[in-house]
């Protein structure tokens, strides 16, 4: 078991313990430190402290006992991955359509997480005390394209903060029914679980989480259009919900595109094409691109010829 020592400074006077420790131990997220405190892993003198809100005094010494990283209960399964970038801190994956990101009922051993556990092996140092990859943002099962994965807590914390302040940016290509007017703009509307169908999300007038999607028409394809969509926020099904909300559902969307029937396509024609981030260790700005997959290329060719 590894120990960390923190001595409270004058500037820490009156601070909550978890906040003080987060300042002195930036490699740990505040939530991870709260977890350690609750587990009795923090002591001052001979007293174990389990209250994250207790106030610190200058000169107080805290010993943080870090438990061994435990193995994930998830199964490592060798599934072929397209890895765009990898080092000891993170990976960037070009996910194919049809691959689920997280294990869920019906998908327990055939997900991206299972594949990453097999691929990374001992290079994972653990997220939240568990030997597992840190999924920073999700992509729906039938959406293709780029996503970033953290290998350890510090990288995960940095990338999550970038996602929150929009330093980490994501651009998607979407084929939609109709041609938006104006050809570029923003869709803004809070998103929450639908009251009529709990499997769907919806734009709501009150409650929900604020969401904003920028779009720009890249090509007009008769009664359809190819859009470039940029997320200001990252809500569940955000682009799919927002595009349907303005009357331009994504082609092939089996959930949100039923009322406005589109050309037959086996999945939602949505692709995460560009990912930009700041490397959590080097501070270098990095940009990754993913070409439009063959199925969407064929869809575009069909629409161009119609």
Protein backbone atom coordinates (compact mmCIF):
# COMPACT_ATOMS: atom_id res chain seq x y z
CA UNK A 1 0.00 0.00 0.00
CA UNK A 2 1.37 3.40 -1.02
CA UNK A 3 1.11 6.46 1.21
CA UNK A 4 0.89 10.17 0.40
CA UNK A 5 1.56 12.94 2.92
CA UNK A 6 -0.01 16.39 2.84
CA UNK A 7 0.84 19.19 5.27
CA UNK A 8 -1.78 21.95 5.32
CA UNK A 9 -0.42 25.41 4.57
CA UNK A 10 -1.56 28.85 5.72
CA UNK A 11 -3.56 29.26 2.48
CA UNK A 12 -5.50 26.10 3.34
CA UNK A 13 -6.89 27.50 6.59
CA UNK A 14 -10.62 26.79 6.93
CA UNK A 15 -10.81 24.76 3.71
CA UNK A 16 -12.71 21.49 3.46
CA UNK A 17 -10.41 18.51 3.74
CA UNK A 18 -11.28 17.11 0.30
CA UNK A 19 -10.67 20.49 -1.34
CA UNK A 20 -7.36 20.93 0.48
CA UNK A 21 -6.15 17.48 -0.57
CA UNK A 22 -7.24 18.11 -4.17
CA UNK A 23 -5.02 21.20 -4.28
CA UNK A 24 -1.99 19.33 -2.95
CA UNK A 25 -2.62 16.12 -4.87
CA UNK A 26 -3.68 17.27 -8.36
CA UNK A 27 -3.18 13.76 -9.74
CA UNK A 28 -6.40 12.73 -7.95
CA UNK A 29 -9.90 13.95 -8.70
CA UNK A 30 -11.84 15.48 -5.83
CA UNK A 31 -14.43 12.70 -6.10
CA UNK A 32 -11.67 10.09 -5.81
CA UNK A 33 -10.34 11.82 -2.67
CA UNK A 34 -13.84 11.92 -1.19
CA UNK A 35 -14.06 8.20 -1.86
CA UNK A 36 -10.75 7.58 -0.06
CA UNK A 37 -11.84 9.67 2.92
CA UNK A 38 -15.14 7.77 3.17
CA UNK A 39 -13.23 4.47 3.05
CA UNK A 40 -11.11 5.48 6.06
CA UNK A 41 -7.91 5.89 4.06
CA UNK A 42 -7.05 9.36 5.44
CA UNK A 43 -5.60 9.92 8.91
CA UNK A 44 -4.28 12.85 10.92
CA UNK A 45 -2.06 11.74 13.77
CA UNK A 46 -3.68 8.60 15.18
CA UNK A 47 -7.21 9.63 14.16
CA UNK A 48 -8.86 8.35 11.01
CA UNK A 49 -10.91 11.03 9.27
CA UNK A 50 -14.06 10.06 7.39
CA UNK A 51 -15.66 13.49 7.01
CA UNK A 52 -14.62 15.16 3.74
CA UNK A 53 -16.13 18.46 4.91
CA UNK A 54 -14.03 18.82 8.06
CA UNK A 55 -12.00 22.04 8.16
CA UNK A 56 -8.22 21.95 8.04
CA UNK A 57 -5.75 24.02 10.06
CA UNK A 58 -2.31 25.18 8.92
CA UNK A 59 0.31 22.65 10.00
CA UNK A 60 -2.08 19.68 10.11
CA UNK A 61 -0.52 16.58 8.59
CA UNK A 62 -2.63 14.10 6.66
CA UNK A 63 -1.55 10.61 5.64
CA UNK A 64 -3.44 9.20 2.66
CA UNK A 65 -3.12 5.41 2.37
CA UNK A 66 -3.76 4.37 -1.20
CA UNK A 67 -5.22 0.88 -1.51
CA UNK A 68 -3.95 -1.41 -4.23
CA UNK A 69 -5.67 -1.02 -7.58
CA UNK A 70 -8.28 -3.77 -7.84
CA UNK A 71 -8.96 -5.70 -11.00
CA UNK A 72 -12.10 -4.85 -12.91
CA UNK A 73 -14.85 -7.43 -12.77
CA UNK A 74 -15.34 -6.90 -16.48
CA UNK A 75 -13.97 -9.49 -18.84
CA UNK A 76 -11.11 -8.65 -21.18
CA UNK A 77 -12.07 -9.73 -24.70
CA UNK A 78 -9.73 -9.44 -27.72
CA UNK A 79 -11.77 -7.39 -30.20
CA UNK A 80 -10.04 -5.70 -33.11
CA UNK A 81 -9.74 -1.93 -32.65
CA UNK A 82 -8.67 0.91 -34.92
CA UNK A 83 -6.26 2.90 -32.75
CA UNK A 84 -5.46 6.36 -34.08
CA UNK A 85 -3.11 7.33 -31.23
CA UNK A 86 -1.80 5.71 -28.06
CA UNK A 87 0.73 6.46 -25.34
CA UNK A 88 0.91 5.72 -21.60
CA UNK A 89 -1.68 8.40 -20.85
CA UNK A 90 -4.48 7.97 -23.37
CA UNK A 91 -5.81 6.34 -26.51
CA UNK A 92 -7.83 7.75 -29.40
CA UNK A 93 -10.08 5.13 -30.99
CA UNK A 94 -11.89 5.23 -34.33
CA UNK A 95 -14.99 3.26 -33.34
CA UNK A 96 -16.95 1.38 -35.98
CA UNK A 97 -20.73 1.54 -36.07
CA UNK A 98 -22.27 -1.38 -34.20
CA UNK A 99 -19.78 -1.45 -31.32
CA UNK A 100 -21.30 -0.59 -27.93
CA UNK A 101 -19.04 1.49 -25.67
CA UNK A 102 -20.14 0.35 -22.17
CA UNK A 103 -21.36 -3.07 -21.02
CA UNK A 104 -25.14 -3.17 -20.65
CA UNK A 105 -27.91 -5.77 -20.70
CA UNK A 106 -27.46 -7.71 -23.91
CA UNK A 107 -23.90 -6.47 -24.31
CA UNK A 108 -21.73 -7.72 -21.46
CA UNK A 109 -18.61 -9.02 -23.21
CA UNK A 110 -18.62 -7.45 -26.68
CA UNK A 111 -18.09 -3.76 -25.93
CA UNK A 112 -15.33 -1.21 -26.41
CA UNK A 113 -14.52 -1.41 -22.69
CA UNK A 114 -13.99 -5.19 -22.94
CA UNK A 115 -11.76 -4.67 -25.96
CA UNK A 116 -9.71 -1.97 -24.21
CA UNK A 117 -9.15 -4.16 -21.16
CA UNK A 118 -7.68 -6.81 -23.45
CA UNK A 119 -5.63 -4.34 -25.48
CA UNK A 120 -4.21 -2.24 -22.66
CA UNK A 121 -3.51 -4.99 -20.13
CA UNK A 122 -1.13 -3.79 -17.42
CA UNK A 123 -0.71 -0.32 -18.98
CA UNK A 124 -3.89 0.77 -17.17
CA UNK A 125 -3.06 2.29 -13.78
CA UNK A 126 -6.69 2.52 -12.76
CA UNK A 127 -9.60 4.93 -12.77
CA UNK A 128 -11.13 5.54 -9.35
CA UNK A 129 -9.13 2.69 -7.86
CA UNK A 130 -10.26 0.14 -10.45
CA UNK A 131 -8.14 -1.26 -13.28
CA UNK A 132 -10.29 -0.07 -16.15
CA UNK A 133 -10.17 2.41 -19.04
CA UNK A 134 -11.60 5.87 -18.43
CA UNK A 135 -14.24 6.65 -21.03
CA UNK A 136 -14.24 10.45 -21.26
CA UNK A 137 -17.21 10.81 -23.61
CA UNK A 138 -19.58 8.36 -25.23
CA UNK A 139 -20.58 7.59 -28.78
CA UNK A 140 -23.83 5.75 -29.46
CA UNK A 141 -23.53 2.14 -30.57
CA UNK A 142 -24.56 2.92 -34.17
CA UNK A 143 -22.56 6.14 -34.45
CA UNK A 144 -19.06 5.77 -35.85
CA UNK A 145 -15.91 7.79 -35.29
CA UNK A 146 -13.45 9.18 -32.80
CA UNK A 147 -13.41 9.04 -29.03
CA UNK A 148 -10.67 9.47 -26.42
CA UNK A 149 -9.97 7.11 -23.52
CA UNK A 150 -7.85 7.84 -20.43
CA UNK A 151 -5.47 5.24 -18.99
CA UNK A 152 -5.18 6.73 -15.50
CA UNK A 153 -6.95 9.07 -13.08
CA UNK A 154 -4.90 12.20 -13.80
CA UNK A 155 -5.43 11.93 -17.56
CA UNK A 156 -9.13 11.26 -17.02
CA UNK A 157 -9.49 14.30 -14.77
CA UNK A 158 -7.70 16.54 -17.29
CA UNK A 159 -9.72 15.34 -20.26
CA UNK A 160 -13.01 15.56 -18.35
CA UNK A 161 -12.17 19.17 -17.42
CA UNK A 162 -11.40 19.92 -21.08
CA UNK A 163 -14.74 18.43 -22.05
CA UNK A 164 -16.46 20.67 -19.50
CA UNK A 165 -14.76 23.89 -20.62
CA UNK A 166 -14.93 22.91 -24.33
CA UNK A 167 -11.15 22.79 -24.79
CA UNK A 168 -11.83 19.26 -25.99
CA UNK A 169 -13.93 19.73 -29.12
CA UNK A 170 -15.85 17.26 -31.26
CA UNK A 171 -17.21 17.67 -34.77
CA UNK A 172 -19.67 15.28 -36.39
CA UNK A 173 -20.86 14.75 -39.94
CA UNK A 174 -24.56 14.00 -40.26
CA UNK A 175 -26.81 13.27 -43.22
CA UNK A 176 -30.26 14.72 -42.51
CA UNK A 177 -33.68 14.84 -44.09
CA UNK A 178 -34.36 18.22 -45.72
CA UNK A 179 -32.14 21.29 -46.01
CA UNK A 180 -31.95 23.51 -42.90
CA UNK A 181 -32.88 27.18 -43.23
CA UNK A 182 -30.76 29.08 -42.52
CA UNK A 183 -27.99 26.81 -43.86
CA UNK A 184 -25.97 27.31 -40.68
CA UNK A 185 -26.90 28.18 -37.15
CA UNK A 186 -27.38 26.79 -33.66
CA UNK A 187 -30.02 24.65 -32.02
CA UNK A 188 -30.44 25.43 -28.35
CA UNK A 189 -32.78 23.52 -26.09
CA UNK A 190 -32.54 21.71 -22.77
CA UNK A 191 -32.59 17.92 -23.04
CA UNK A 192 -34.18 15.47 -20.61
CA UNK A 193 -35.64 12.00 -20.61
CA UNK A 194 -38.91 11.91 -22.57
CA UNK A 195 -42.00 11.73 -20.36
CA UNK A 196 -43.83 9.59 -22.92
CA UNK A 197 -41.00 7.19 -23.79
CA UNK A 198 -38.30 6.62 -21.17
CA UNK A 199 -35.97 5.15 -23.80
CA UNK A 200 -35.86 8.48 -25.63
CA UNK A 201 -34.50 11.93 -24.87
CA UNK A 202 -36.39 15.11 -25.76
CA UNK A 203 -36.10 18.90 -25.84
CA UNK A 204 -38.02 20.21 -22.82
CA UNK A 205 -39.31 23.64 -21.85
CA UNK A 206 -38.40 23.30 -18.19
CA UNK A 207 -35.88 21.19 -16.31
CA UNK A 208 -33.40 19.09 -18.23
CA UNK A 209 -29.80 19.96 -19.00
CA UNK A 210 -28.83 22.91 -21.16
CA UNK A 211 -27.64 21.86 -24.61
CA UNK A 212 -26.46 23.64 -27.73
CA UNK A 213 -25.49 22.25 -31.13
CA UNK A 214 -23.96 24.29 -33.95
CA UNK A 215 -24.56 23.11 -37.50
CA UNK A 216 -23.31 24.12 -40.93
CA UNK A 217 -24.54 22.74 -44.25
CA UNK A 218 -21.66 21.17 -46.15
CA UNK A 219 -23.59 19.89 -49.16
CA UNK A 220 -27.18 19.96 -50.41
CA UNK A 221 -28.27 16.55 -51.69
CA UNK A 222 -31.69 17.11 -53.20
CA UNK A 223 -34.15 16.61 -50.35
CA UNK A 224 -31.29 15.84 -47.95
CA UNK A 225 -28.18 17.60 -46.65
CA UNK A 226 -24.76 16.80 -45.23
CA UNK A 227 -24.16 18.82 -42.06
CA UNK A 228 -21.14 19.52 -39.91
CA UNK A 229 -22.30 19.58 -36.27
CA UNK A 230 -20.25 20.89 -33.35
CA UNK A 231 -21.20 20.24 -29.74
CA UNK A 232 -21.08 22.98 -27.15
CA UNK A 233 -22.44 20.51 -24.60
CA UNK A 234 -22.49 16.72 -24.55
CA UNK A 235 -25.94 15.41 -23.68
CA UNK A 236 -27.23 11.92 -24.45
CA UNK A 237 -28.30 11.68 -28.14
CA UNK A 238 -27.83 15.47 -28.40
CA UNK A 239 -27.33 15.85 -32.17
CA UNK A 240 -30.05 13.30 -32.92
CA UNK A 241 -32.53 15.05 -30.63
CA UNK A 242 -31.70 18.59 -31.77
CA UNK A 243 -31.83 17.80 -35.48
CA UNK A 244 -35.21 16.09 -35.08
CA UNK A 245 -36.41 19.05 -33.00
CA UNK A 246 -35.88 21.42 -35.96
CA UNK A 247 -37.48 19.02 -38.43
CA UNK A 248 -34.32 17.51 -39.90
CA UNK A 249 -33.86 14.01 -38.43
CA UNK A 250 -30.71 12.09 -39.17
CA UNK A 251 -31.09 9.56 -41.95
CA UNK A 252 -31.52 6.01 -40.61
CA UNK A 253 -32.20 7.07 -37.02
CA UNK A 254 -34.47 4.29 -35.71
CA UNK A 255 -35.49 6.21 -32.59
CA UNK A 256 -35.90 9.86 -33.56
CA UNK A 257 -36.47 9.68 -37.31
CA UNK A 258 -39.69 7.67 -37.52
CA UNK A 259 -42.22 10.49 -37.83
CA UNK A 260 -40.33 12.11 -40.73
CA UNK A 261 -39.52 9.07 -42.85
CA UNK A 262 -36.09 9.17 -44.50
CA UNK A 263 -34.31 7.13 -47.13
CA UNK A 264 -33.64 3.55 -46.01
CA UNK A 265 -30.30 3.25 -44.18
CA UNK A 266 -29.35 0.61 -41.57
CA UNK A 267 -28.15 3.04 -38.89
CA UNK A 268 -28.14 6.73 -38.05
CA UNK A 269 -25.86 8.46 -40.58
CA UNK A 270 -23.76 10.16 -37.92
CA UNK A 271 -19.97 10.11 -37.76
CA UNK A 272 -17.54 11.68 -35.25
CA UNK A 273 -15.09 13.09 -37.76
CA UNK A 274 -12.83 15.43 -35.81
CA UNK A 275 -11.49 15.44 -32.25
CA UNK A 276 -9.29 18.16 -30.76
CA UNK A 277 -7.74 18.08 -27.28
CA UNK A 278 -4.82 19.20 -25.12
CA UNK A 279 -2.56 16.31 -24.15
CA UNK A 280 -2.89 15.96 -20.35
CA UNK A 281 0.86 15.38 -19.84
CA UNK A 282 2.63 17.38 -22.56
CA UNK A 283 0.18 20.27 -22.94
CA UNK A 284 0.39 19.83 -26.71
CA UNK A 285 -2.71 20.57 -28.76
CA UNK A 286 -3.66 17.50 -30.78
CA UNK A 287 -6.13 17.09 -33.62
CA UNK A 288 -7.43 13.80 -35.01
CA UNK A 289 -9.46 13.18 -38.15
CA UNK A 290 -11.53 10.21 -39.24
CA UNK A 291 -12.60 9.67 -42.84
CA UNK A 292 -16.27 9.15 -43.60
CA UNK A 293 -16.93 5.39 -43.40
CA UNK A 294 -17.81 3.45 -46.51
CA UNK A 295 -21.50 3.01 -45.72
CA UNK A 296 -22.08 6.77 -45.38
CA UNK A 297 -19.96 7.42 -48.49
CA UNK A 298 -22.23 5.05 -50.41
CA UNK A 299 -25.28 6.84 -49.01
CA UNK A 300 -23.90 10.20 -50.19
CA UNK A 301 -23.16 8.76 -53.64
CA UNK A 302 -26.75 7.51 -53.87
CA UNK A 303 -28.16 10.90 -52.87
CA UNK A 304 -25.88 12.74 -55.29
CA UNK A 305 -27.10 10.56 -58.14
CA UNK A 306 -30.79 10.83 -57.31
